[in-house]
Structure formats: structure tokens, C-alpha cells
């Protein structure tokens, strides 16, 4: 019997991305973005639950979905600090050693970035640059810059639906 394979073409979600370096807590970062960008980022009920090989990581997610606006915003933490999954060894004579919390990144290739601001849909370059400049002026933000999505290896980690 002949077998047929059907290839499913999945259209990539188009979005713009801003990397933010800041020591602010997630809720403070969302507050300042709301204040300076005049948006309404709100904490989602569910964080981004990501299953790494050794960690079950939760990344804070704040979203702004305005029906009057042609784009939506998602602020997501890039860093999770937690203990690895316990691996029980069978037949060990020694107690398991205490594992210290490690930091795991949502986007590993940008391990120094604290937050990502994802702008869904098309946004005019002029408006995007204005937004980028405003974010750079927020107290507590050390740096903010645009990331080229085409070069991002783990962009599938930023698709939360």
C-alpha cells in the first residue's frame, strides 16, 4: 500500500521584538511601560510554562490587547531562576545533594536580556523607533534595542497562544 505524506505549511507569526535590560521587577517594568507608552499591560492569569530538559520554568507575561489599536503588546521575562527537576537515583547509598537554583532563559541566545517586548502585527517603523526611544528613557532601564526576528533561532518560544 502506498503511503502519502502531507506537509503542513505553518505561516510564521510576524512580530517585532525589543530586548530590554533592566533590574526592575516584572510588575514595575509593566507599570513604567504603561506610564510612558500610554498602554495597559496587564498580568496574564497564566505565565509562560516552558519545559526545558532539566527545568519546568515559568516566565511572567503581561499583555496589552486593545481592540482600537492595530497591534498588541506582550512583555515577557527572559529569565527564570529555579531548582532543576529532581532525578531520583535508585539504590544510592548517599543522600541527594542540595541543588542550588539556576537561571534558565526563554531565549537562550540572548541570555543577558531581562525582558522582551513583543509587538504583534505590523507597526510603522517611525512608531516603532519612537517606542524604542521612549523605553530607553524609562528609569531603571539600562538599554533597549530591536532584535532581528529572521536571525532569532528560538523565535518559536515567543509564540504564546
C-alpha atoms as a PDB file:
ATOM      1  CA  UNK A   1       0.000   0.000   0.000  1.00  0.00           C
ATOM      2  CA  UNK A   2       1.273   3.416  -0.923  1.00  0.00           C
ATOM      3  CA  UNK A   3       1.726   5.994   1.831  1.00  0.00           C
ATOM      4  CA  UNK A   4       1.189   9.687   1.300  1.00  0.00           C
ATOM      5  CA  UNK A   5       2.724  12.436   3.334  1.00  0.00           C
ATOM      6  CA  UNK A   6       1.060  15.795   3.649  1.00  0.00           C
ATOM      7  CA  UNK A   7       3.266  18.685   4.599  1.00  0.00           C
ATOM      8  CA  UNK A   8       1.584  21.301   6.674  1.00  0.00           C
ATOM      9  CA  UNK A   9       2.801  24.765   5.970  1.00  0.00           C
ATOM     10  CA  UNK A  10       2.642  26.898   9.049  1.00  0.00           C
ATOM     11  CA  UNK A  11       2.783  30.577   8.386  1.00  0.00           C
ATOM     12  CA  UNK A  12       5.238  32.326  10.666  1.00  0.00           C
ATOM     13  CA  UNK A  13       3.715  34.823  13.004  1.00  0.00           C
ATOM     14  CA  UNK A  14       5.064  38.261  12.155  1.00  0.00           C
ATOM     15  CA  UNK A  15       6.113  40.414  15.063  1.00  0.00           C
ATOM     16  CA  UNK A  16       8.684  42.976  16.151  1.00  0.00           C
ATOM     17  CA  UNK A  17      10.813  42.451  19.206  1.00  0.00           C
ATOM     18  CA  UNK A  18      12.537  44.786  21.641  1.00  0.00           C
ATOM     19  CA  UNK A  19      15.155  43.499  24.099  1.00  0.00           C
ATOM     20  CA  UNK A  20      15.138  45.305  27.441  1.00  0.00           C
ATOM     21  CA  UNK A  21      17.938  45.273  30.004  1.00  0.00           C
ATOM     22  CA  UNK A  22      16.597  46.246  33.422  1.00  0.00           C
ATOM     23  CA  UNK A  23      16.938  45.251  37.056  1.00  0.00           C
ATOM     24  CA  UNK A  24      13.285  46.174  37.695  1.00  0.00           C
ATOM     25  CA  UNK A  25      10.802  43.523  38.799  1.00  0.00           C
ATOM     26  CA  UNK A  26       8.281  42.438  36.148  1.00  0.00           C
ATOM     27  CA  UNK A  27       5.343  44.330  37.631  1.00  0.00           C
ATOM     28  CA  UNK A  28       7.408  47.538  37.886  1.00  0.00           C
ATOM     29  CA  UNK A  29       8.589  47.160  34.296  1.00  0.00           C
ATOM     30  CA  UNK A  30       4.967  46.739  33.166  1.00  0.00           C
ATOM     31  CA  UNK A  31       3.941  49.782  35.244  1.00  0.00           C
ATOM     32  CA  UNK A  32       6.594  52.017  33.678  1.00  0.00           C
ATOM     33  CA  UNK A  33       5.806  50.783  30.160  1.00  0.00           C
ATOM     34  CA  UNK A  34       2.130  51.562  30.802  1.00  0.00           C
ATOM     35  CA  UNK A  35       3.011  55.021  32.076  1.00  0.00           C
ATOM     36  CA  UNK A  36       5.478  56.001  29.337  1.00  0.00           C
ATOM     37  CA  UNK A  37       3.911  54.250  26.330  1.00  0.00           C
ATOM     38  CA  UNK A  38       0.307  55.018  27.360  1.00  0.00           C
ATOM     39  CA  UNK A  39      -0.745  51.363  27.134  1.00  0.00           C
ATOM     40  CA  UNK A  40      -2.427  48.926  29.535  1.00  0.00           C
ATOM     41  CA  UNK A  41      -0.194  45.912  30.056  1.00  0.00           C
ATOM     42  CA  UNK A  42      -1.884  43.514  32.474  1.00  0.00           C
ATOM     43  CA  UNK A  43      -0.534  40.354  34.055  1.00  0.00           C
ATOM     44  CA  UNK A  44      -1.932  37.245  32.393  1.00  0.00           C
ATOM     45  CA  UNK A  45      -3.573  34.612  34.575  1.00  0.00           C
ATOM     46  CA  UNK A  46      -1.139  32.014  33.305  1.00  0.00           C
ATOM     47  CA  UNK A  47       2.579  32.580  32.928  1.00  0.00           C
ATOM     48  CA  UNK A  48       4.529  31.082  30.054  1.00  0.00           C
ATOM     49  CA  UNK A  49       5.096  27.493  31.152  1.00  0.00           C
ATOM     50  CA  UNK A  50       8.167  26.196  29.382  1.00  0.00           C
ATOM     51  CA  UNK A  51       9.550  22.716  29.805  1.00  0.00           C
ATOM     52  CA  UNK A  52      13.335  22.727  29.478  1.00  0.00           C
ATOM     53  CA  UNK A  53      15.178  19.422  29.771  1.00  0.00           C
ATOM     54  CA  UNK A  54      16.108  19.919  33.425  1.00  0.00           C
ATOM     55  CA  UNK A  55      13.653  22.654  34.460  1.00  0.00           C
ATOM     56  CA  UNK A  56       9.961  23.472  34.498  1.00  0.00           C
ATOM     57  CA  UNK A  57      10.238  27.220  34.049  1.00  0.00           C
ATOM     58  CA  UNK A  58       7.559  29.893  34.406  1.00  0.00           C
ATOM     59  CA  UNK A  59       8.107  33.249  32.698  1.00  0.00           C
ATOM     60  CA  UNK A  60       5.963  36.226  33.719  1.00  0.00           C
ATOM     61  CA  UNK A  61       3.721  37.517  30.919  1.00  0.00           C
ATOM     62  CA  UNK A  62       1.993  40.901  30.695  1.00  0.00           C
ATOM     63  CA  UNK A  63      -0.280  41.636  27.721  1.00  0.00           C
ATOM     64  CA  UNK A  64      -1.975  44.635  26.130  1.00  0.00           C
ATOM     65  CA  UNK A  65      -4.745  43.874  23.656  1.00  0.00           C
ATOM     66  CA  UNK A  66      -6.637  46.983  22.643  1.00  0.00           C
ATOM     67  CA  UNK A  67      -9.418  46.448  20.072  1.00  0.00           C
ATOM     68  CA  UNK A  68      -8.981  50.059  18.893  1.00  0.00           C
ATOM     69  CA  UNK A  69      -5.270  49.520  18.232  1.00  0.00           C
ATOM     70  CA  UNK A  70      -3.927  47.601  15.245  1.00  0.00           C
ATOM     71  CA  UNK A  71      -1.226  45.824  17.264  1.00  0.00           C
ATOM     72  CA  UNK A  72      -0.912  44.038  20.609  1.00  0.00           C
ATOM     73  CA  UNK A  73       1.958  44.042  23.095  1.00  0.00           C
ATOM     74  CA  UNK A  74       3.388  41.229  25.202  1.00  0.00           C
ATOM     75  CA  UNK A  75       6.032  41.818  27.858  1.00  0.00           C
ATOM     76  CA  UNK A  76       7.708  38.553  28.825  1.00  0.00           C
ATOM     77  CA  UNK A  77      10.522  37.900  31.278  1.00  0.00           C
ATOM     78  CA  UNK A  78      13.527  36.176  29.747  1.00  0.00           C
ATOM     79  CA  UNK A  79      14.928  34.783  32.998  1.00  0.00           C
ATOM     80  CA  UNK A  80      13.641  32.138  35.372  1.00  0.00           C
ATOM     81  CA  UNK A  81      15.550  31.163  38.482  1.00  0.00           C
ATOM     82  CA  UNK A  82      14.623  27.804  39.932  1.00  0.00           C
ATOM     83  CA  UNK A  83      15.764  24.396  41.040  1.00  0.00           C
ATOM     84  CA  UNK A  84      16.178  21.588  38.496  1.00  0.00           C
ATOM     85  CA  UNK A  85      13.771  18.672  38.361  1.00  0.00           C
ATOM     86  CA  UNK A  86      14.674  16.030  40.935  1.00  0.00           C
ATOM     87  CA  UNK A  87      16.245  12.929  39.499  1.00  0.00           C
ATOM     88  CA  UNK A  88      15.878  10.062  41.906  1.00  0.00           C
ATOM     89  CA  UNK A  89      18.708   7.617  41.754  1.00  0.00           C
ATOM     90  CA  UNK A  90      17.850   4.065  42.579  1.00  0.00           C
ATOM     91  CA  UNK A  91      19.980   2.143  45.002  1.00  0.00           C
ATOM     92  CA  UNK A  92      22.194   5.041  46.042  1.00  0.00           C
ATOM     93  CA  UNK A  93      23.958   4.813  49.375  1.00  0.00           C
ATOM     94  CA  UNK A  94      24.245   8.578  49.668  1.00  0.00           C
ATOM     95  CA  UNK A  95      21.652  11.264  50.104  1.00  0.00           C
ATOM     96  CA  UNK A  96      20.996  13.506  47.156  1.00  0.00           C
ATOM     97  CA  UNK A  97      22.953  16.700  47.315  1.00  0.00           C
ATOM     98  CA  UNK A  98      21.088  20.001  47.602  1.00  0.00           C
ATOM     99  CA  UNK A  99      20.907  21.617  44.183  1.00  0.00           C
ATOM    100  CA  UNK A 100      21.191  25.384  44.050  1.00  0.00           C
ATOM    101  CA  UNK A 101      18.787  27.418  41.888  1.00  0.00           C
ATOM    102  CA  UNK A 102      19.991  28.071  38.369  1.00  0.00           C
ATOM    103  CA  UNK A 103      18.937  30.682  35.846  1.00  0.00           C
ATOM    104  CA  UNK A 104      17.223  29.477  32.670  1.00  0.00           C
ATOM    105  CA  UNK A 105      16.431  31.729  29.698  1.00  0.00           C
ATOM    106  CA  UNK A 106      13.377  31.692  27.459  1.00  0.00           C
ATOM    107  CA  UNK A 107      15.583  32.853  24.565  1.00  0.00           C
ATOM    108  CA  UNK A 108      18.994  31.272  25.261  1.00  0.00           C
ATOM    109  CA  UNK A 109      20.889  33.205  22.592  1.00  0.00           C
ATOM    110  CA  UNK A 110      20.071  36.450  24.454  1.00  0.00           C
ATOM    111  CA  UNK A 111      20.917  35.300  27.968  1.00  0.00           C
ATOM    112  CA  UNK A 112      21.752  38.810  29.262  1.00  0.00           C
ATOM    113  CA  UNK A 113      18.362  40.297  28.252  1.00  0.00           C
ATOM    114  CA  UNK A 114      15.901  40.670  31.137  1.00  0.00           C
ATOM    115  CA  UNK A 115      12.652  41.267  29.190  1.00  0.00           C
ATOM    116  CA  UNK A 116      11.301  41.087  25.674  1.00  0.00           C
ATOM    117  CA  UNK A 117       8.550  43.349  24.398  1.00  0.00           C
ATOM    118  CA  UNK A 118       6.811  41.595  21.530  1.00  0.00           C
ATOM    119  CA  UNK A 119       4.778  43.790  19.191  1.00  0.00           C
ATOM    120  CA  UNK A 120       2.386  41.677  17.157  1.00  0.00           C
ATOM    121  CA  UNK A 121       1.258  42.665  13.682  1.00  0.00           C
ATOM    122  CA  UNK A 122       2.730  45.399  11.546  1.00  0.00           C
ATOM    123  CA  UNK A 123       3.865  48.631  13.122  1.00  0.00           C
ATOM    124  CA  UNK A 124       5.190  51.622  11.232  1.00  0.00           C
ATOM    125  CA  UNK A 125       8.999  51.946  11.510  1.00  0.00           C
ATOM    126  CA  UNK A 126       8.640  55.543  12.719  1.00  0.00           C
ATOM    127  CA  UNK A 127       6.262  54.492  15.513  1.00  0.00           C
ATOM    128  CA  UNK A 128       8.479  51.512  16.408  1.00  0.00           C
ATOM    129  CA  UNK A 129      11.560  53.750  16.710  1.00  0.00           C
ATOM    130  CA  UNK A 130       9.605  56.223  18.835  1.00  0.00           C
ATOM    131  CA  UNK A 131       8.546  53.376  21.132  1.00  0.00           C
ATOM    132  CA  UNK A 132      12.149  52.138  21.341  1.00  0.00           C
ATOM    133  CA  UNK A 133      13.426  55.607  22.283  1.00  0.00           C
ATOM    134  CA  UNK A 134      10.769  56.036  24.973  1.00  0.00           C
ATOM    135  CA  UNK A 135      11.632  52.654  26.514  1.00  0.00           C
ATOM    136  CA  UNK A 136      15.308  53.648  26.619  1.00  0.00           C
ATOM    137  CA  UNK A 137      14.395  56.711  28.715  1.00  0.00           C
ATOM    138  CA  UNK A 138      12.488  54.799  31.406  1.00  0.00           C
ATOM    139  CA  UNK A 139      14.207  54.995  34.820  1.00  0.00           C
ATOM    140  CA  UNK A 140      15.697  51.603  35.645  1.00  0.00           C
ATOM    141  CA  UNK A 141      16.172  50.575  32.010  1.00  0.00           C
ATOM    142  CA  UNK A 142      19.859  50.266  31.170  1.00  0.00           C
ATOM    143  CA  UNK A 143      19.352  49.573  27.460  1.00  0.00           C
ATOM    144  CA  UNK A 144      16.717  48.681  24.877  1.00  0.00           C
ATOM    145  CA  UNK A 145      17.236  47.661  21.261  1.00  0.00           C
ATOM    146  CA  UNK A 146      15.422  45.992  18.384  1.00  0.00           C
ATOM    147  CA  UNK A 147      16.096  42.354  17.555  1.00  0.00           C
ATOM    148  CA  UNK A 148      16.036  40.998  14.008  1.00  0.00           C
ATOM    149  CA  UNK A 149      13.477  38.186  14.105  1.00  0.00           C
ATOM    150  CA  UNK A 150      14.882  36.474  10.992  1.00  0.00           C
ATOM    151  CA  UNK A 151      18.159  35.748  12.841  1.00  0.00           C
ATOM    152  CA  UNK A 152      16.464  34.517  16.016  1.00  0.00           C
ATOM    153  CA  UNK A 153      17.000  30.765  16.432  1.00  0.00           C
ATOM    154  CA  UNK A 154      14.366  30.194  19.120  1.00  0.00           C
ATOM    155  CA  UNK A 155      11.601  32.509  17.968  1.00  0.00           C
ATOM    156  CA  UNK A 156       9.051  29.701  18.433  1.00  0.00           C
ATOM    157  CA  UNK A 157       9.478  30.291  22.193  1.00  0.00           C
ATOM    158  CA  UNK A 158       7.863  33.707  21.698  1.00  0.00           C
ATOM    159  CA  UNK A 159       4.649  32.392  20.179  1.00  0.00           C
ATOM    160  CA  UNK A 160       2.210  32.187  23.091  1.00  0.00           C
ATOM    161  CA  UNK A 161      -1.321  31.274  22.084  1.00  0.00           C
END
